[in-house]
Structure formats: C-alpha cells, structure tokens
Amino acid sequence: MKSDALELCHQEFKNNSVRFLSAIAIEPGYFQSFEEIVQAVSLESAIPYKDLASYEKDFLRGWDEVYEKACAEADRRKNGESPNLNWFDKLG
C-alpha cells in the first residue's frame, strides 16, 4: 500500500473516525486504531464479525473504494496540483 495514500486515509480517520468507519462498512468500536484497520486489510480478514462473511466483503469493498480515492488524491498532489481537501467527501 502507498504510504502517502495511507496517510490521507489516516488523517480522515483522525478527523472523523465514525464517518471513516461508516465509509468502509465497519461499525464504530470494532477497530480502535487506524493501524488495526490496515492490519485487517493486509490479512484480508481479521474482522471481528465472526461467521458473517458478507460483512467482510463489504469491509474490503468499502476499503478499496476509500483507498482508491486516496491514491488518486495522493497522485494529484505528487504531480503538483493543489490539494483537494474534500477528496473524502466525494466518495460514493
């Protein structure tokens, strides 16, 4: 995973963790830190929903969407374009 995109995601998590967790289809309280989210994505599982595989799919799909937007924004910034501070708001 790209560190600059992860940093953008981490910022959004710090700014509003409830909204961020909602965007990746996880209820508040399941992950206590952004690092736990990244670890779960790395393992492509480890979600504390036990047998509910559909939640895992929703989580990974939601993460992919958020991460893809973060990568696009990180690339924009790397190419010298002015930062879009509302990149996260344009999800969905």
PDB file of N, CA and C in Angstrom:
ATOM      1  N   MET A   1       0.835  -1.180   0.000  1.00  0.00           N
ATOM      2  CA  MET A   1       0.000   0.000   0.000  1.00  0.00           C
ATOM      3  C   MET A   1       0.882   1.246   0.000  1.00  0.00           C
ATOM      4  N   LYS A   2       0.394   2.263  -0.652  1.00  0.00           N
ATOM      5  CA  LYS A   2       1.161   3.504  -0.786  1.00  0.00           C
ATOM      6  C   LYS A   2       1.077   4.327   0.496  1.00  0.00           C
ATOM      7  N   SER A   3       2.247   4.717   0.999  1.00  0.00           N
ATOM      8  CA  SER A   3       2.287   5.427   2.276  1.00  0.00           C
ATOM      9  C   SER A   3       1.586   6.781   2.219  1.00  0.00           C
ATOM     10  N   ASP A   4       1.691   7.500   1.090  1.00  0.00           N
ATOM     11  CA  ASP A   4       1.045   8.814   1.016  1.00  0.00           C
ATOM     12  C   ASP A   4      -0.482   8.669   1.008  1.00  0.00           C
ATOM     13  N   ALA A   5      -0.987   7.629   0.357  1.00  0.00           N
ATOM     14  CA  ALA A   5      -2.436   7.393   0.360  1.00  0.00           C
ATOM     15  C   ALA A   5      -2.905   6.948   1.746  1.00  0.00           C
ATOM     16  N   LEU A   6      -2.105   6.117   2.395  1.00  0.00           N
ATOM     17  CA  LEU A   6      -2.447   5.690   3.757  1.00  0.00           C
ATOM     18  C   LEU A   6      -2.469   6.874   4.705  1.00  0.00           C
ATOM     19  N   GLU A   7      -1.553   7.813   4.507  1.00  0.00           N
ATOM     20  CA  GLU A   7      -1.522   8.999   5.368  1.00  0.00           C
ATOM     21  C   GLU A   7      -2.800   9.830   5.192  1.00  0.00           C
ATOM     22  N   LEU A   8      -3.266   9.961   3.955  1.00  0.00           N
ATOM     23  CA  LEU A   8      -4.526  10.677   3.723  1.00  0.00           C
ATOM     24  C   LEU A   8      -5.681   9.969   4.426  1.00  0.00           C
ATOM     25  N   CYS A   9      -5.724   8.648   4.315  1.00  0.00           N
ATOM     26  CA  CYS A   9      -6.779   7.876   4.993  1.00  0.00           C
ATOM     27  C   CYS A   9      -6.674   8.034   6.504  1.00  0.00           C
ATOM     28  N   HIS A  10      -5.441   7.990   7.005  1.00  0.00           N
ATOM     29  CA  HIS A  10      -5.234   8.129   8.444  1.00  0.00           C
ATOM     30  C   HIS A  10      -5.719   9.487   8.935  1.00  0.00           C
ATOM     31  N   GLN A  11      -5.451  10.543   8.144  1.00  0.00           N
ATOM     32  CA  GLN A  11      -5.927  11.884   8.503  1.00  0.00           C
ATOM     33  C   GLN A  11      -7.449  11.910   8.604  1.00  0.00           C
ATOM     34  N   GLU A  12      -8.117  11.290   7.625  1.00  0.00           N
ATOM     35  CA  GLU A  12      -9.579  11.265   7.652  1.00  0.00           C
ATOM     36  C   GLU A  12     -10.086  10.485   8.862  1.00  0.00           C
ATOM     37  N   PHE A  13      -9.412   9.393   9.187  1.00  0.00           N
ATOM     38  CA  PHE A  13      -9.782   8.606  10.359  1.00  0.00           C
ATOM     39  C   PHE A  13      -9.648   9.454  11.628  1.00  0.00           C
ATOM     40  N   LYS A  14      -8.535  10.213  11.728  1.00  0.00           N
ATOM     41  CA  LYS A  14      -8.334  11.064  12.898  1.00  0.00           C
ATOM     42  C   LYS A  14      -9.364  12.194  12.952  1.00  0.00           C
ATOM     43  N   ASN A  15      -9.718  12.735  11.800  1.00  0.00           N
ATOM     44  CA  ASN A  15     -10.670  13.849  11.760  1.00  0.00           C
ATOM     45  C   ASN A  15     -12.080  13.424  12.139  1.00  0.00           C
ATOM     46  N   ASN A  16     -12.499  12.245  11.673  1.00  0.00           N
ATOM     47  CA  ASN A  16     -13.857  11.787  11.963  1.00  0.00           C
ATOM     48  C   ASN A  16     -13.902  10.275  11.802  1.00  0.00           C
ATOM     49  N   SER A  17     -13.530   9.576  12.866  1.00  0.00           N
ATOM     50  CA  SER A  17     -13.433   8.114  12.781  1.00  0.00           C
ATOM     51  C   SER A  17     -14.782   7.463  12.501  1.00  0.00           C
ATOM     52  N   VAL A  18     -15.861   8.015  13.034  1.00  0.00           N
ATOM     53  CA  VAL A  18     -17.185   7.420  12.813  1.00  0.00           C
ATOM     54  C   VAL A  18     -17.545   7.460  11.331  1.00  0.00           C
ATOM     55  N   ARG A  19     -17.320   8.600  10.704  1.00  0.00           N
ATOM     56  CA  ARG A  19     -17.619   8.736   9.274  1.00  0.00           C
ATOM     57  C   ARG A  19     -16.709   7.844   8.446  1.00  0.00           C
ATOM     58  N   PHE A  20     -15.428   7.768   8.821  1.00  0.00           N
ATOM     59  CA  PHE A  20     -14.486   6.924   8.089  1.00  0.00           C
ATOM     60  C   PHE A  20     -14.890   5.452   8.195  1.00  0.00           C
ATOM     61  N   LEU A  21     -15.208   5.011   9.404  1.00  0.00           N
ATOM     62  CA  LEU A  21     -15.601   3.613   9.599  1.00  0.00           C
ATOM     63  C   LEU A  21     -16.883   3.298   8.845  1.00  0.00           C
ATOM     64  N   SER A  22     -17.794   4.233   8.804  1.00  0.00           N
ATOM     65  CA  SER A  22     -19.025   4.047   8.038  1.00  0.00           C
ATOM     66  C   SER A  22     -18.720   3.876   6.556  1.00  0.00           C
ATOM     67  N   ALA A  23     -17.765   4.647   6.043  1.00  0.00           N
ATOM     68  CA  ALA A  23     -17.408   4.570   4.625  1.00  0.00           C
ATOM     69  C   ALA A  23     -16.814   3.217   4.258  1.00  0.00           C
ATOM     70  N   ILE A  24     -16.158   2.561   5.229  1.00  0.00           N
ATOM     71  CA  ILE A  24     -15.587   1.248   4.943  1.00  0.00           C
ATOM     72  C   ILE A  24     -16.452   0.121   5.502  1.00  0.00           C
ATOM     73  N   ALA A  25     -17.699   0.449   5.829  1.00  0.00           N
ATOM     74  CA  ALA A  25     -18.702  -0.536   6.241  1.00  0.00           C
ATOM     75  C   ALA A  25     -18.338  -1.268   7.531  1.00  0.00           C
ATOM     76  N   ILE A  26     -17.770  -0.543   8.480  1.00  0.00           N
ATOM     77  CA  ILE A  26     -17.448  -1.103   9.791  1.00  0.00           C
ATOM     78  C   ILE A  26     -18.084  -0.204  10.851  1.00  0.00           C
ATOM     79  N   GLU A  27     -18.723  -0.837  11.835  1.00  0.00           N
ATOM     80  CA  GLU A  27     -19.351  -0.059  12.904  1.00  0.00           C
ATOM     81  C   GLU A  27     -18.291   0.432  13.881  1.00  0.00           C
ATOM     82  N   PRO A  28     -18.481   1.629  14.414  1.00  0.00           N
ATOM     83  CA  PRO A  28     -17.528   2.151  15.400  1.00  0.00           C
ATOM     84  C   PRO A  28     -17.359   1.164  16.552  1.00  0.00           C
ATOM     85  N   GLY A  29     -16.139   1.012  17.009  1.00  0.00           N
ATOM     86  CA  GLY A  29     -15.861   0.115  18.123  1.00  0.00           C
ATOM     87  C   GLY A  29     -15.178  -1.175  17.715  1.00  0.00           C
ATOM     88  N   TYR A  30     -15.287  -1.557  16.460  1.00  0.00           N
ATOM     89  CA  TYR A  30     -14.648  -2.799  16.035  1.00  0.00           C
ATOM     90  C   TYR A  30     -13.151  -2.634  15.872  1.00  0.00           C
ATOM     91  N   PHE A  31     -12.734  -1.465  15.440  1.00  0.00           N
ATOM     92  CA  PHE A  31     -11.309  -1.166  15.343  1.00  0.00           C
ATOM     93  C   PHE A  31     -11.039   0.047  16.214  1.00  0.00           C
ATOM     94  N   GLN A  32     -10.019  -0.039  17.032  1.00  0.00           N
ATOM     95  CA  GLN A  32      -9.695   1.061  17.929  1.00  0.00           C
ATOM     96  C   GLN A  32      -8.696   2.034  17.319  1.00  0.00           C
ATOM     97  N   SER A  33      -7.985   1.590  16.284  1.00  0.00           N
ATOM     98  CA  SER A  33      -6.979   2.463  15.689  1.00  0.00           C
ATOM     99  C   SER A  33      -6.931   2.236  14.182  1.00  0.00           C
ATOM    100  N   PHE A  34      -6.351   3.190  13.504  1.00  0.00           N
ATOM    101  CA  PHE A  34      -6.189   3.074  12.064  1.00  0.00           C
ATOM    102  C   PHE A  34      -5.243   1.922  11.728  1.00  0.00           C
ATOM    103  N   GLU A  35      -4.244   1.710  12.570  1.00  0.00           N
ATOM    104  CA  GLU A  35      -3.291   0.624  12.353  1.00  0.00           C
ATOM    105  C   GLU A  35      -3.993  -0.727  12.332  1.00  0.00           C
ATOM    106  N   GLU A  36      -5.017  -0.906  13.184  1.00  0.00           N
ATOM    107  CA  GLU A  36      -5.784  -2.157  13.199  1.00  0.00           C
ATOM    108  C   GLU A  36      -6.528  -2.355  11.878  1.00  0.00           C
ATOM    109  N   ILE A  37      -7.028  -1.274  11.313  1.00  0.00           N
ATOM    110  CA  ILE A  37      -7.725  -1.355  10.027  1.00  0.00           C
ATOM    111  C   ILE A  37      -6.747  -1.809   8.948  1.00  0.00           C
ATOM    112  N   VAL A  38      -5.582  -1.185   8.903  1.00  0.00           N
ATOM    113  CA  VAL A  38      -4.584  -1.527   7.892  1.00  0.00           C
ATOM    114  C   VAL A  38      -4.140  -2.981   8.060  1.00  0.00           C
ATOM    115  N   GLN A  39      -3.994  -3.419   9.291  1.00  0.00           N
ATOM    116  CA  GLN A  39      -3.603  -4.809   9.533  1.00  0.00           C
ATOM    117  C   GLN A  39      -4.685  -5.772   9.032  1.00  0.00           C
ATOM    118  N   ALA A  40      -5.942  -5.448   9.289  1.00  0.00           N
ATOM    119  CA  ALA A  40      -7.036  -6.301   8.821  1.00  0.00           C
ATOM    120  C   ALA A  40      -7.078  -6.359   7.302  1.00  0.00           C
ATOM    121  N   VAL A  41      -6.845  -5.220   6.660  1.00  0.00           N
ATOM    122  CA  VAL A  41      -6.816  -5.198   5.196  1.00  0.00           C
ATOM    123  C   VAL A  41      -5.653  -6.045   4.692  1.00  0.00           C
ATOM    124  N   SER A  42      -4.509  -5.935   5.329  1.00  0.00           N
ATOM    125  CA  SER A  42      -3.334  -6.702   4.925  1.00  0.00           C
ATOM    126  C   SER A  42      -3.593  -8.202   5.018  1.00  0.00           C
ATOM    127  N   LEU A  43      -4.324  -8.587   6.036  1.00  0.00           N
ATOM    128  CA  LEU A  43      -4.644 -10.004   6.220  1.00  0.00           C
ATOM    129  C   LEU A  43      -5.861 -10.418   5.405  1.00  0.00           C
ATOM    130  N   GLU A  44      -6.561  -9.427   4.863  1.00  0.00           N
ATOM    131  CA  GLU A  44      -7.806  -9.625   4.122  1.00  0.00           C
ATOM    132  C   GLU A  44      -8.832 -10.387   4.939  1.00  0.00           C
ATOM    133  N   SER A  45      -8.801 -10.166   6.224  1.00  0.00           N
ATOM    134  CA  SER A  45      -9.789 -10.772   7.127  1.00  0.00           C
ATOM    135  C   SER A  45      -9.623 -10.129   8.487  1.00  0.00           C
ATOM    136  N   ALA A  46      -9.634 -10.963   9.527  1.00  0.00           N
ATOM    137  CA  ALA A  46      -9.426 -10.483  10.894  1.00  0.00           C
ATOM    138  C   ALA A  46     -10.469  -9.469  11.325  1.00  0.00           C
ATOM    139  N   ILE A  47     -11.652  -9.575  10.752  1.00  0.00           N
ATOM    140  CA  ILE A  47     -12.724  -8.676  11.152  1.00  0.00           C
ATOM    141  C   ILE A  47     -13.532  -9.361  12.245  1.00  0.00           C
ATOM    142  N   PRO A  48     -13.781  -8.692  13.336  1.00  0.00           N
ATOM    143  CA  PRO A  48     -14.439  -9.338  14.470  1.00  0.00           C
ATOM    144  C   PRO A  48     -15.934  -9.575  14.289  1.00  0.00           C
ATOM    145  N   TYR A  49     -16.349  -9.922  13.089  1.00  0.00           N
ATOM    146  CA  TYR A  49     -17.754 -10.244  12.866  1.00  0.00           C
ATOM    147  C   TYR A  49     -18.002 -11.748  12.903  1.00  0.00           C
ATOM    148  N   LYS A  50     -16.995 -12.512  13.229  1.00  0.00           N
ATOM    149  CA  LYS A  50     -17.064 -13.977  13.325  1.00  0.00           C
ATOM    150  C   LYS A  50     -17.487 -14.595  12.004  1.00  0.00           C
ATOM    151  N   ASP A  51     -18.665 -15.211  11.934  1.00  0.00           N
ATOM    152  CA  ASP A  51     -19.061 -16.007  10.768  1.00  0.00           C
ATOM    153  C   ASP A  51     -19.744 -15.205   9.663  1.00  0.00           C
ATOM    154  N   LEU A  52     -19.858 -13.913   9.822  1.00  0.00           N
ATOM    155  CA  LEU A  52     -20.616 -13.131   8.851  1.00  0.00           C
ATOM    156  C   LEU A  52     -19.730 -12.688   7.695  1.00  0.00           C
ATOM    157  N   ALA A  53     -19.519 -13.594   6.766  1.00  0.00           N
ATOM    158  CA  ALA A  53     -18.604 -13.337   5.647  1.00  0.00           C
ATOM    159  C   ALA A  53     -19.044 -12.149   4.802  1.00  0.00           C
ATOM    160  N   SER A  54     -20.336 -11.892   4.725  1.00  0.00           N
ATOM    161  CA  SER A  54     -20.807 -10.773   3.903  1.00  0.00           C
ATOM    162  C   SER A  54     -20.293  -9.443   4.443  1.00  0.00           C
ATOM    163  N   TYR A  55     -20.143  -9.320   5.742  1.00  0.00           N
ATOM    164  CA  TYR A  55     -19.596  -8.083   6.301  1.00  0.00           C
ATOM    165  C   TYR A  55     -18.144  -7.903   5.895  1.00  0.00           C
ATOM    166  N   GLU A  56     -17.410  -9.018   5.853  1.00  0.00           N
ATOM    167  CA  GLU A  56     -16.011  -8.938   5.442  1.00  0.00           C
ATOM    168  C   GLU A  56     -15.902  -8.423   4.010  1.00  0.00           C
ATOM    169  N   LYS A  57     -16.758  -8.911   3.138  1.00  0.00           N
ATOM    170  CA  LYS A  57     -16.751  -8.456   1.748  1.00  0.00           C
ATOM    171  C   LYS A  57     -17.089  -6.969   1.660  1.00  0.00           C
ATOM    172  N   ASP A  58     -18.087  -6.539   2.440  1.00  0.00           N
ATOM    173  CA  ASP A  58     -18.464  -5.123   2.441  1.00  0.00           C
ATOM    174  C   ASP A  58     -17.313  -4.255   2.933  1.00  0.00           C
ATOM    175  N   PHE A  59     -16.621  -4.737   3.954  1.00  0.00           N
ATOM    176  CA  PHE A  59     -15.486  -4.003   4.505  1.00  0.00           C
ATOM    177  C   PHE A  59     -14.385  -3.857   3.465  1.00  0.00           C
ATOM    178  N   LEU A  60     -14.014  -4.966   2.827  1.00  0.00           N
ATOM    179  CA  LEU A  60     -12.933  -4.905   1.841  1.00  0.00           C
ATOM    180  C   LEU A  60     -13.319  -4.065   0.640  1.00  0.00           C
ATOM    181  N   ARG A  61     -14.578  -4.156   0.209  1.00  0.00           N
ATOM    182  CA  ARG A  61     -15.050  -3.343  -0.918  1.00  0.00           C
ATOM    183  C   ARG A  61     -15.037  -1.866  -0.525  1.00  0.00           C
ATOM    184  N   GLY A  62     -15.505  -1.550   0.679  1.00  0.00           N
ATOM    185  CA  GLY A  62     -15.504  -0.163   1.157  1.00  0.00           C
ATOM    186  C   GLY A  62     -14.099   0.381   1.300  1.00  0.00           C
ATOM    187  N   TRP A  63     -13.200  -0.453   1.829  1.00  0.00           N
ATOM    188  CA  TRP A  63     -11.805  -0.022   1.956  1.00  0.00           C
ATOM    189  C   TRP A  63     -11.211   0.254   0.587  1.00  0.00           C
ATOM    190  N   ASP A  64     -11.451  -0.638  -0.369  1.00  0.00           N
ATOM    191  CA  ASP A  64     -10.900  -0.459  -1.715  1.00  0.00           C
ATOM    192  C   ASP A  64     -11.339   0.862  -2.321  1.00  0.00           C
ATOM    193  N   GLU A  65     -12.600   1.232  -2.112  1.00  0.00           N
ATOM    194  CA  GLU A  65     -13.107   2.486  -2.669  1.00  0.00           C
ATOM    195  C   GLU A  65     -12.412   3.685  -2.020  1.00  0.00           C
ATOM    196  N   VAL A  66     -12.305   3.660  -0.697  1.00  0.00           N
ATOM    197  CA  VAL A  66     -11.665   4.768   0.016  1.00  0.00           C
ATOM    198  C   VAL A  66     -10.186   4.857  -0.360  1.00  0.00           C
ATOM    199  N   TYR A  67      -9.523   3.714  -0.379  1.00  0.00           N
ATOM    200  CA  TYR A  67      -8.089   3.692  -0.687  1.00  0.00           C
ATOM    201  C   TYR A  67      -7.827   4.150  -2.118  1.00  0.00           C
ATOM    202  N   GLU A  68      -8.672   3.744  -3.046  1.00  0.00           N
ATOM    203  CA  GLU A  68      -8.529   4.162  -4.445  1.00  0.00           C
ATOM    204  C   GLU A  68      -8.633   5.682  -4.573  1.00  0.00           C
ATOM    205  N   LYS A  69      -9.597   6.276  -3.867  1.00  0.00           N
ATOM    206  CA  LYS A  69      -9.745   7.739  -3.890  1.00  0.00           C
ATOM    207  C   LYS A  69      -8.530   8.413  -3.255  1.00  0.00           C
ATOM    208  N   ALA A  70      -8.008   7.820  -2.172  1.00  0.00           N
ATOM    209  CA  ALA A  70      -6.836   8.387  -1.513  1.00  0.00           C
ATOM    210  C   ALA A  70      -5.619   8.316  -2.434  1.00  0.00           C
ATOM    211  N   CYS A  71      -5.481   7.217  -3.168  1.00  0.00           N
ATOM    212  CA  CYS A  71      -4.364   7.085  -4.117  1.00  0.00           C
ATOM    213  C   CYS A  71      -4.464   8.154  -5.212  1.00  0.00           C
ATOM    214  N   ALA A  72      -5.667   8.357  -5.713  1.00  0.00           N
ATOM    215  CA  ALA A  72      -5.866   9.362  -6.762  1.00  0.00           C
ATOM    216  C   ALA A  72      -5.515  10.750  -6.239  1.00  0.00           C
ATOM    217  N   GLU A  73      -5.937  11.044  -5.016  1.00  0.00           N
ATOM    218  CA  GLU A  73      -5.636  12.360  -4.440  1.00  0.00           C
ATOM    219  C   GLU A  73      -4.144  12.502  -4.160  1.00  0.00           C
ATOM    220  N   ALA A  74      -3.514  11.436  -3.661  1.00  0.00           N
ATOM    221  CA  ALA A  74      -2.073  11.481  -3.395  1.00  0.00           C
ATOM    222  C   ALA A  74      -1.298  11.705  -4.695  1.00  0.00           C
ATOM    223  N   ASP A  75      -1.728  11.052  -5.765  1.00  0.00           N
ATOM    224  CA  ASP A  75      -1.073  11.234  -7.065  1.00  0.00           C
ATOM    225  C   ASP A  75      -1.248  12.663  -7.579  1.00  0.00           C
ATOM    226  N   ARG A  76      -2.444  13.220  -7.392  1.00  0.00           N
ATOM    227  CA  ARG A  76      -2.692  14.610  -7.795  1.00  0.00           C
ATOM    228  C   ARG A  76      -1.694  15.534  -7.095  1.00  0.00           C
ATOM    229  N   ARG A  77      -1.561  15.351  -5.799  1.00  0.00           N
ATOM    230  CA  ARG A  77      -0.676  16.211  -5.015  1.00  0.00           C
ATOM    231  C   ARG A  77       0.780  16.017  -5.422  1.00  0.00           C
ATOM    232  N   LYS A  78       1.158  14.775  -5.689  1.00  0.00           N
ATOM    233  CA  LYS A  78       2.533  14.481  -6.092  1.00  0.00           C
ATOM    234  C   LYS A  78       2.855  15.144  -7.428  1.00  0.00           C
ATOM    235  N   ASN A  79       1.847  15.289  -8.281  1.00  0.00           N
ATOM    236  CA  ASN A  79       2.037  15.910  -9.584  1.00  0.00           C
ATOM    237  C   ASN A  79       1.940  17.431  -9.530  1.00  0.00           C
ATOM    238  N   GLY A  80       1.903  17.984  -8.330  1.00  0.00           N
ATOM    239  CA  GLY A  80       1.942  19.426  -8.168  1.00  0.00           C
ATOM    240  C   GLY A  80       0.603  20.131  -8.222  1.00  0.00           C
ATOM    241  N   GLU A  81      -0.476  19.375  -8.327  1.00  0.00           N
ATOM    242  CA  GLU A  81      -1.796  20.007  -8.335  1.00  0.00           C
ATOM    243  C   GLU A  81      -2.164  20.426  -6.914  1.00  0.00           C
ATOM    244  N   SER A  82      -3.020  21.420  -6.808  1.00  0.00           N
ATOM    245  CA  SER A  82      -3.397  21.880  -5.477  1.00  0.00           C
ATOM    246  C   SER A  82      -4.245  20.810  -4.784  1.00  0.00           C
ATOM    247  N   PRO A  83      -4.049  20.642  -3.488  1.00  0.00           N
ATOM    248  CA  PRO A  83      -4.764  19.602  -2.750  1.00  0.00           C
ATOM    249  C   PRO A  83      -6.279  19.796  -2.782  1.00  0.00           C
ATOM    250  N   ASN A  84      -6.992  18.726  -2.965  1.00  0.00           N
ATOM    251  CA  ASN A  84      -8.442  18.741  -2.839  1.00  0.00           C
ATOM    252  C   ASN A  84      -8.744  18.289  -1.419  1.00  0.00           C
ATOM    253  N   LEU A  85      -9.012  19.226  -0.552  1.00  0.00           N
ATOM    254  CA  LEU A  85      -9.215  18.897   0.871  1.00  0.00           C
ATOM    255  C   LEU A  85     -10.517  18.149   1.117  1.00  0.00           C
ATOM    256  N   ASN A  86     -11.386  18.107   0.122  1.00  0.00           N
ATOM    257  CA  ASN A  86     -12.663  17.398   0.267  1.00  0.00           C
ATOM    258  C   ASN A  86     -12.680  16.074  -0.492  1.00  0.00           C
ATOM    259  N   TRP A  87     -11.518  15.498  -0.741  1.00  0.00           N
ATOM    260  CA  TRP A  87     -11.455  14.252  -1.505  1.00  0.00           C
ATOM    261  C   TRP A  87     -12.309  13.154  -0.888  1.00  0.00           C
ATOM    262  N   PHE A  88     -12.326  13.102   0.437  1.00  0.00           N
ATOM    263  CA  PHE A  88     -13.073  12.046   1.119  1.00  0.00           C
ATOM    264  C   PHE A  88     -14.577  12.235   0.979  1.00  0.00           C
ATOM    265  N   ASP A  89     -15.017  13.476   0.894  1.00  0.00           N
ATOM    266  CA  ASP A  89     -16.447  13.769   0.784  1.00  0.00           C
ATOM    267  C   ASP A  89     -17.032  13.323  -0.553  1.00  0.00           C
ATOM    268  N   LYS A  90     -16.180  13.099  -1.535  1.00  0.00           N
ATOM    269  CA  LYS A  90     -16.670  12.748  -2.874  1.00  0.00           C
ATOM    270  C   LYS A  90     -16.824  11.248  -3.064  1.00  0.00           C
ATOM    271  N   LEU A  91     -16.815  10.478  -1.978  1.00  0.00           N
ATOM    272  CA  LEU A  91     -16.994   9.033  -2.083  1.00  0.00           C
ATOM    273  C   LEU A  91     -18.445   8.714  -2.381  1.00  0.00           C
ATOM    274  N   GLY A  92     -18.630   7.599  -3.077  1.00  0.00           N
ATOM    275  CA  GLY A  92     -19.980   7.108  -3.305  1.00  0.00           C
ATOM    276  C   GLY A  92     -20.626   7.575  -4.556  1.00  0.00           C
TER     277      GLY A  92
END
